[in-house]
Amino acid sequence: MRRWRVWREETGSQLVEFVLVFPLIWLLLIFAMDQFTIMYNKQVALAAAFEAGRTASLQPNAGLARYYATLRADDELEQAIGLSSSDVEMIVNRRWRKGEHLEARVSMTFSLMASNRPYQIIESYFMMVENAEE
């Protein structure tokens, strides 16, 4: 009779439930933080590509366009979470002329919280050159 009485008592049951459930909640929280970090950094990379393209399209020549686009993109990339490396590229198909198109490409690498693995995002934005010297 005494043996079954231990199973009927509820003392300590909250501690057992906490020990069983807390790791699951912790995993869900870490997974959610990783997903948030990925989504946020993706938006930051897209904003950096847009700002780089917009700034570059208003410059009179390709050299200034690359210089100012990189500065503007780096300013945007400072807002990224856990950024370990980044790169900004300006790609022009032909010559730097009014009406031609350019691509601003931003790549960034950061590490995830849960697994500490590196994660890379590449975003690009296409713009038309608006203010080139003739």
N, C-alpha and C. Protein backbone atom coordinates (compact mmCIF):
# COMPACT_ATOMS: atom_id res chain seq x y z
N MET A 1 0.81 -1.18 0.00
CA MET A 1 0.00 0.00 0.00
C MET A 1 0.86 1.26 0.00
N ARG A 2 1.90 1.24 0.72
CA ARG A 2 2.74 2.42 0.86
C ARG A 2 3.41 2.78 -0.47
N ARG A 3 3.67 1.80 -1.30
CA ARG A 3 4.32 2.03 -2.57
C ARG A 3 3.48 2.92 -3.48
N TRP A 4 2.19 2.73 -3.55
CA TRP A 4 1.30 3.49 -4.43
C TRP A 4 1.06 4.90 -3.93
N ARG A 5 1.26 5.10 -2.69
CA ARG A 5 1.03 6.41 -2.11
C ARG A 5 2.01 7.45 -2.67
N VAL A 6 3.23 7.06 -3.01
CA VAL A 6 4.23 7.96 -3.58
C VAL A 6 3.75 8.49 -4.93
N TRP A 7 3.13 7.66 -5.72
CA TRP A 7 2.67 8.09 -7.04
C TRP A 7 1.44 9.01 -6.95
N ARG A 8 0.70 8.93 -5.91
CA ARG A 8 -0.49 9.77 -5.77
C ARG A 8 -0.18 11.16 -5.25
N GLU A 9 0.92 11.31 -4.56
CA GLU A 9 1.27 12.62 -4.02
C GLU A 9 1.70 13.55 -5.16
N GLU A 10 1.36 14.83 -5.05
CA GLU A 10 1.68 15.79 -6.09
C GLU A 10 2.81 16.74 -5.70
N THR A 11 3.45 16.50 -4.60
CA THR A 11 4.55 17.36 -4.20
C THR A 11 5.72 17.13 -5.15
N GLY A 12 6.27 18.23 -5.65
CA GLY A 12 7.41 18.14 -6.57
C GLY A 12 7.00 17.99 -8.02
N SER A 13 5.73 17.91 -8.32
CA SER A 13 5.31 17.72 -9.71
C SER A 13 5.60 18.96 -10.56
N GLN A 14 5.52 20.13 -9.97
CA GLN A 14 5.82 21.34 -10.73
C GLN A 14 7.28 21.40 -11.14
N LEU A 15 8.15 20.94 -10.29
CA LEU A 15 9.56 20.91 -10.62
C LEU A 15 9.83 19.94 -11.76
N VAL A 16 9.20 18.79 -11.72
CA VAL A 16 9.38 17.80 -12.79
C VAL A 16 8.86 18.36 -14.11
N GLU A 17 7.70 19.00 -14.09
CA GLU A 17 7.14 19.58 -15.31
C GLU A 17 8.06 20.67 -15.86
N PHE A 18 8.59 21.50 -14.98
CA PHE A 18 9.51 22.55 -15.41
C PHE A 18 10.75 21.96 -16.06
N VAL A 19 11.33 20.94 -15.45
CA VAL A 19 12.55 20.32 -15.98
C VAL A 19 12.28 19.68 -17.34
N LEU A 20 11.08 19.15 -17.56
CA LEU A 20 10.77 18.53 -18.84
C LEU A 20 10.40 19.54 -19.92
N VAL A 21 9.75 20.63 -19.56
CA VAL A 21 9.23 21.57 -20.55
C VAL A 21 10.22 22.69 -20.87
N PHE A 22 11.03 23.12 -19.90
CA PHE A 22 11.92 24.25 -20.12
C PHE A 22 12.87 24.08 -21.30
N PRO A 23 13.52 22.91 -21.51
CA PRO A 23 14.39 22.77 -22.68
C PRO A 23 13.64 22.95 -24.00
N LEU A 24 12.42 22.50 -24.07
CA LEU A 24 11.64 22.67 -25.30
C LEU A 24 11.34 24.15 -25.56
N ILE A 25 10.95 24.85 -24.52
CA ILE A 25 10.68 26.28 -24.67
C ILE A 25 11.96 27.03 -25.05
N TRP A 26 13.07 26.63 -24.45
CA TRP A 26 14.34 27.27 -24.77
C TRP A 26 14.72 27.05 -26.24
N LEU A 27 14.54 25.84 -26.75
CA LEU A 27 14.83 25.55 -28.16
C LEU A 27 13.94 26.37 -29.08
N LEU A 28 12.67 26.48 -28.75
CA LEU A 28 11.76 27.29 -29.56
C LEU A 28 12.18 28.76 -29.56
N LEU A 29 12.59 29.26 -28.42
CA LEU A 29 13.02 30.64 -28.32
C LEU A 29 14.28 30.90 -29.16
N ILE A 30 15.25 30.03 -29.08
CA ILE A 30 16.48 30.18 -29.85
C ILE A 30 16.19 30.08 -31.35
N PHE A 31 15.33 29.14 -31.74
CA PHE A 31 14.95 29.01 -33.15
C PHE A 31 14.27 30.28 -33.64
N ALA A 32 13.38 30.84 -32.83
CA ALA A 32 12.70 32.08 -33.21
C ALA A 32 13.69 33.23 -33.34
N MET A 33 14.67 33.30 -32.46
CA MET A 33 15.68 34.36 -32.54
C MET A 33 16.52 34.21 -33.82
N ASP A 34 16.87 32.98 -34.18
CA ASP A 34 17.61 32.76 -35.42
C ASP A 34 16.80 33.21 -36.63
N GLN A 35 15.53 32.87 -36.65
CA GLN A 35 14.68 33.26 -37.78
C GLN A 35 14.52 34.78 -37.83
N PHE A 36 14.36 35.42 -36.70
CA PHE A 36 14.27 36.87 -36.66
C PHE A 36 15.56 37.50 -37.17
N THR A 37 16.71 36.97 -36.75
CA THR A 37 17.99 37.51 -37.18
C THR A 37 18.15 37.40 -38.69
N ILE A 38 17.76 36.26 -39.26
CA ILE A 38 17.85 36.07 -40.71
C ILE A 38 16.95 37.07 -41.44
N MET A 39 15.71 37.19 -41.00
CA MET A 39 14.78 38.10 -41.67
C MET A 39 15.24 39.56 -41.53
N TYR A 40 15.68 39.95 -40.36
CA TYR A 40 16.12 41.32 -40.15
C TYR A 40 17.35 41.64 -41.00
N ASN A 41 18.34 40.74 -40.99
CA ASN A 41 19.55 40.97 -41.77
C ASN A 41 19.27 40.96 -43.27
N LYS A 42 18.29 40.18 -43.70
CA LYS A 42 17.89 40.19 -45.12
C LYS A 42 17.34 41.57 -45.50
N GLN A 43 16.54 42.16 -44.62
CA GLN A 43 16.01 43.50 -44.87
C GLN A 43 17.13 44.55 -44.86
N VAL A 44 18.09 44.40 -43.96
CA VAL A 44 19.22 45.33 -43.90
C VAL A 44 20.04 45.24 -45.18
N ALA A 45 20.29 44.02 -45.68
CA ALA A 45 21.05 43.84 -46.92
C ALA A 45 20.31 44.44 -48.10
N LEU A 46 19.00 44.26 -48.17
CA LEU A 46 18.22 44.84 -49.26
C LEU A 46 18.24 46.37 -49.18
N ALA A 47 18.12 46.93 -47.99
CA ALA A 47 18.19 48.38 -47.83
C ALA A 47 19.57 48.91 -48.23
N ALA A 48 20.62 48.17 -47.89
CA ALA A 48 21.98 48.59 -48.25
C ALA A 48 22.16 48.55 -49.77
N ALA A 49 21.63 47.52 -50.43
CA ALA A 49 21.72 47.43 -51.88
C ALA A 49 20.94 48.57 -52.54
N PHE A 50 19.76 48.87 -52.02
CA PHE A 50 18.96 49.97 -52.57
C PHE A 50 19.68 51.30 -52.41
N GLU A 51 20.18 51.57 -51.22
CA GLU A 51 20.86 52.84 -50.97
C GLU A 51 22.13 52.97 -51.82
N ALA A 52 22.86 51.86 -51.98
CA ALA A 52 24.06 51.88 -52.82
C ALA A 52 23.69 52.16 -54.27
N GLY A 53 22.66 51.50 -54.78
CA GLY A 53 22.23 51.72 -56.15
C GLY A 53 21.71 53.13 -56.37
N ARG A 54 20.93 53.62 -55.44
CA ARG A 54 20.36 54.97 -55.57
C ARG A 54 21.47 56.02 -55.54
N THR A 55 22.41 55.86 -54.63
CA THR A 55 23.52 56.81 -54.54
C THR A 55 24.40 56.73 -55.79
N ALA A 56 24.67 55.53 -56.27
CA ALA A 56 25.53 55.36 -57.44
C ALA A 56 24.88 55.92 -58.70
N SER A 57 23.59 55.77 -58.84
CA SER A 57 22.93 56.21 -60.07
C SER A 57 22.95 57.73 -60.23
N LEU A 58 23.21 58.46 -59.17
CA LEU A 58 23.22 59.92 -59.22
C LEU A 58 24.62 60.51 -59.40
N GLN A 59 25.65 59.66 -59.48
CA GLN A 59 27.02 60.15 -59.59
C GLN A 59 27.41 60.37 -61.04
N PRO A 60 28.34 61.31 -61.30
CA PRO A 60 28.70 61.63 -62.68
C PRO A 60 29.62 60.61 -63.36
N ASN A 61 30.36 59.80 -62.58
CA ASN A 61 31.21 58.78 -63.22
C ASN A 61 31.27 57.52 -62.37
N ALA A 62 31.80 56.46 -62.96
CA ALA A 62 31.78 55.15 -62.31
C ALA A 62 32.65 55.10 -61.05
N GLY A 63 33.76 55.81 -61.04
CA GLY A 63 34.63 55.80 -59.87
C GLY A 63 33.95 56.40 -58.65
N LEU A 64 33.35 57.56 -58.83
CA LEU A 64 32.62 58.17 -57.71
C LEU A 64 31.43 57.32 -57.31
N ALA A 65 30.80 56.71 -58.30
CA ALA A 65 29.64 55.86 -58.00
C ALA A 65 30.02 54.71 -57.09
N ARG A 66 31.12 54.04 -57.40
CA ARG A 66 31.57 52.93 -56.56
C ARG A 66 31.94 53.40 -55.15
N TYR A 67 32.64 54.52 -55.09
CA TYR A 67 33.10 55.04 -53.81
C TYR A 67 31.91 55.41 -52.91
N TYR A 68 31.02 56.25 -53.41
CA TYR A 68 29.90 56.70 -52.58
C TYR A 68 28.88 55.59 -52.32
N ALA A 69 28.72 54.68 -53.26
CA ALA A 69 27.80 53.56 -53.04
C ALA A 69 28.31 52.66 -51.92
N THR A 70 29.61 52.42 -51.89
CA THR A 70 30.19 51.59 -50.84
C THR A 70 30.05 52.27 -49.47
N LEU A 71 30.30 53.58 -49.43
CA LEU A 71 30.13 54.30 -48.17
C LEU A 71 28.69 54.21 -47.66
N ARG A 72 27.74 54.43 -48.57
CA ARG A 72 26.32 54.44 -48.16
C ARG A 72 25.88 53.04 -47.73
N ALA A 73 26.30 52.01 -48.46
CA ALA A 73 25.94 50.64 -48.11
C ALA A 73 26.55 50.25 -46.77
N ASP A 74 27.79 50.65 -46.52
CA ASP A 74 28.43 50.33 -45.24
C ASP A 74 27.70 51.00 -44.07
N ASP A 75 27.19 52.21 -44.31
CA ASP A 75 26.40 52.87 -43.26
C ASP A 75 25.15 52.07 -42.93
N GLU A 76 24.49 51.54 -43.95
CA GLU A 76 23.30 50.72 -43.72
C GLU A 76 23.64 49.40 -43.05
N LEU A 77 24.77 48.80 -43.44
CA LEU A 77 25.14 47.49 -42.90
C LEU A 77 25.57 47.55 -41.44
N GLU A 78 25.83 48.74 -40.92
CA GLU A 78 26.16 48.86 -39.50
C GLU A 78 25.00 48.46 -38.61
N GLN A 79 23.79 48.43 -39.15
CA GLN A 79 22.61 48.07 -38.37
C GLN A 79 22.38 46.57 -38.30
N ALA A 80 23.18 45.78 -39.01
CA ALA A 80 22.98 44.33 -39.04
C ALA A 80 23.31 43.71 -37.68
N ILE A 81 22.70 42.57 -37.43
CA ILE A 81 22.91 41.84 -36.17
C ILE A 81 23.99 40.80 -36.38
N GLY A 82 25.06 40.87 -35.62
CA GLY A 82 26.10 39.86 -35.64
C GLY A 82 26.90 39.79 -36.92
N LEU A 83 27.05 40.89 -37.62
CA LEU A 83 27.74 40.91 -38.91
C LEU A 83 29.21 40.56 -38.74
N SER A 84 29.70 39.58 -39.53
CA SER A 84 31.11 39.23 -39.46
C SER A 84 31.87 39.70 -40.70
N SER A 85 31.21 39.74 -41.86
CA SER A 85 31.86 40.29 -43.06
C SER A 85 30.79 40.76 -44.04
N SER A 86 31.18 41.70 -44.88
CA SER A 86 30.26 42.21 -45.90
C SER A 86 31.04 42.67 -47.11
N ASP A 87 30.35 42.72 -48.26
CA ASP A 87 30.98 43.14 -49.50
C ASP A 87 29.94 43.87 -50.33
N VAL A 88 30.35 44.96 -50.97
CA VAL A 88 29.46 45.74 -51.82
C VAL A 88 30.08 45.78 -53.21
N GLU A 89 29.30 45.43 -54.23
CA GLU A 89 29.77 45.45 -55.62
C GLU A 89 28.87 46.34 -56.45
N MET A 90 29.46 47.06 -57.39
CA MET A 90 28.71 47.81 -58.38
C MET A 90 29.02 47.18 -59.74
N ILE A 91 28.02 46.73 -60.43
CA ILE A 91 28.20 46.06 -61.70
C ILE A 91 27.51 46.89 -62.78
N VAL A 92 28.30 47.34 -63.75
CA VAL A 92 27.78 48.11 -64.88
C VAL A 92 28.03 47.28 -66.13
N ASN A 93 26.97 47.08 -66.93
CA ASN A 93 27.08 46.22 -68.11
C ASN A 93 27.98 46.81 -69.19
N ARG A 94 27.81 48.06 -69.53
CA ARG A 94 28.59 48.67 -70.62
C ARG A 94 29.40 49.82 -70.06
N ARG A 95 29.12 51.02 -70.58
CA ARG A 95 29.82 52.21 -70.11
C ARG A 95 28.94 52.97 -69.13
N TRP A 96 29.55 53.92 -68.45
CA TRP A 96 28.79 54.76 -67.50
C TRP A 96 28.16 55.89 -68.31
N ARG A 97 26.94 55.63 -68.78
CA ARG A 97 26.19 56.62 -69.55
C ARG A 97 24.79 56.74 -68.99
N LYS A 98 24.20 57.89 -69.23
CA LYS A 98 22.82 58.10 -68.81
C LYS A 98 21.92 57.11 -69.56
N GLY A 99 21.05 56.43 -68.81
CA GLY A 99 20.15 55.45 -69.41
C GLY A 99 20.63 54.01 -69.29
N GLU A 100 21.92 53.81 -69.02
CA GLU A 100 22.43 52.44 -68.81
C GLU A 100 21.98 51.95 -67.43
N HIS A 101 22.09 50.66 -67.21
CA HIS A 101 21.65 50.08 -65.94
C HIS A 101 22.85 49.60 -65.14
N LEU A 102 22.71 49.67 -63.83
CA LEU A 102 23.74 49.16 -62.94
C LEU A 102 23.09 48.24 -61.92
N GLU A 103 23.89 47.38 -61.36
CA GLU A 103 23.42 46.48 -60.30
C GLU A 103 24.27 46.73 -59.05
N ALA A 104 23.60 46.97 -57.96
CA ALA A 104 24.28 47.09 -56.67
C ALA A 104 24.05 45.77 -55.93
N ARG A 105 25.13 45.05 -55.65
CA ARG A 105 25.03 43.75 -55.00
C ARG A 105 25.72 43.79 -53.65
N VAL A 106 24.99 43.38 -52.63
CA VAL A 106 25.51 43.37 -51.25
C VAL A 106 25.49 41.93 -50.75
N SER A 107 26.62 41.48 -50.24
CA SER A 107 26.66 40.17 -49.60
C SER A 107 27.15 40.37 -48.17
N MET A 108 26.51 39.65 -47.26
CA MET A 108 26.88 39.76 -45.85
C MET A 108 26.87 38.38 -45.22
N THR A 109 27.75 38.19 -44.25
CA THR A 109 27.85 36.93 -43.53
C THR A 109 27.75 37.22 -42.04
N PHE A 110 26.96 36.41 -41.36
CA PHE A 110 26.80 36.53 -39.91
C PHE A 110 26.61 35.13 -39.36
N SER A 111 26.78 34.97 -38.04
CA SER A 111 26.64 33.65 -37.43
C SER A 111 25.30 33.56 -36.70
N LEU A 112 24.70 32.38 -36.76
CA LEU A 112 23.43 32.13 -36.10
C LEU A 112 23.67 31.86 -34.62
N MET A 113 22.69 32.20 -33.80
CA MET A 113 22.85 32.04 -32.35
C MET A 113 22.84 30.58 -31.91
N ALA A 114 21.90 29.81 -32.44
CA ALA A 114 21.72 28.45 -31.95
C ALA A 114 22.88 27.53 -32.33
N SER A 115 23.25 27.54 -33.60
CA SER A 115 24.27 26.59 -34.05
C SER A 115 25.64 27.23 -34.24
N ASN A 116 25.71 28.56 -34.18
CA ASN A 116 26.95 29.30 -34.41
C ASN A 116 27.51 29.06 -35.81
N ARG A 117 26.65 28.65 -36.74
CA ARG A 117 27.06 28.45 -38.13
C ARG A 117 27.04 29.78 -38.86
N PRO A 118 27.94 29.97 -39.82
CA PRO A 118 27.87 31.19 -40.63
C PRO A 118 26.70 31.11 -41.61
N TYR A 119 26.05 32.23 -41.82
CA TYR A 119 24.91 32.31 -42.73
C TYR A 119 25.16 33.48 -43.67
N GLN A 120 25.00 33.27 -44.96
CA GLN A 120 25.29 34.31 -45.94
C GLN A 120 24.02 34.76 -46.65
N ILE A 121 23.90 36.06 -46.85
CA ILE A 121 22.78 36.66 -47.58
C ILE A 121 23.36 37.49 -48.70
N ILE A 122 22.79 37.35 -49.90
CA ILE A 122 23.17 38.16 -51.05
C ILE A 122 21.92 38.83 -51.58
N GLU A 123 21.94 40.14 -51.65
CA GLU A 123 20.81 40.91 -52.18
C GLU A 123 21.34 41.85 -53.26
N SER A 124 20.53 42.09 -54.27
CA SER A 124 20.94 43.02 -55.31
C SER A 124 19.77 43.92 -55.69
N TYR A 125 20.12 45.06 -56.28
CA TYR A 125 19.12 46.04 -56.68
C TYR A 125 19.58 46.66 -57.99
N PHE A 126 18.66 46.76 -58.94
CA PHE A 126 18.98 47.29 -60.26
C PHE A 126 18.46 48.72 -60.38
N MET A 127 19.30 49.60 -60.90
CA MET A 127 18.94 51.01 -61.08
C MET A 127 19.42 51.47 -62.45
N MET A 128 18.87 52.60 -62.89
CA MET A 128 19.29 53.21 -64.14
C MET A 128 20.17 54.41 -63.81
N VAL A 129 21.25 54.56 -64.55
CA VAL A 129 22.14 55.70 -64.37
C VAL A 129 21.41 56.96 -64.81
N GLU A 130 21.34 57.94 -63.90
CA GLU A 130 20.54 59.13 -64.17
C GLU A 130 21.36 60.38 -64.41
N ASN A 131 22.59 60.43 -63.93
CA ASN A 131 23.32 61.69 -63.92
C ASN A 131 24.75 61.52 -64.42
N ALA A 132 24.96 60.80 -65.51
CA ALA A 132 26.31 60.58 -66.02
C ALA A 132 26.78 61.76 -66.84
N GLU A 133 28.09 62.01 -66.82
CA GLU A 133 28.67 63.05 -67.65
C GLU A 133 28.68 62.58 -69.09
N GLU A 134 28.46 63.49 -69.98
CA GLU A 134 28.46 63.14 -71.42
C GLU A 134 29.84 63.32 -71.99
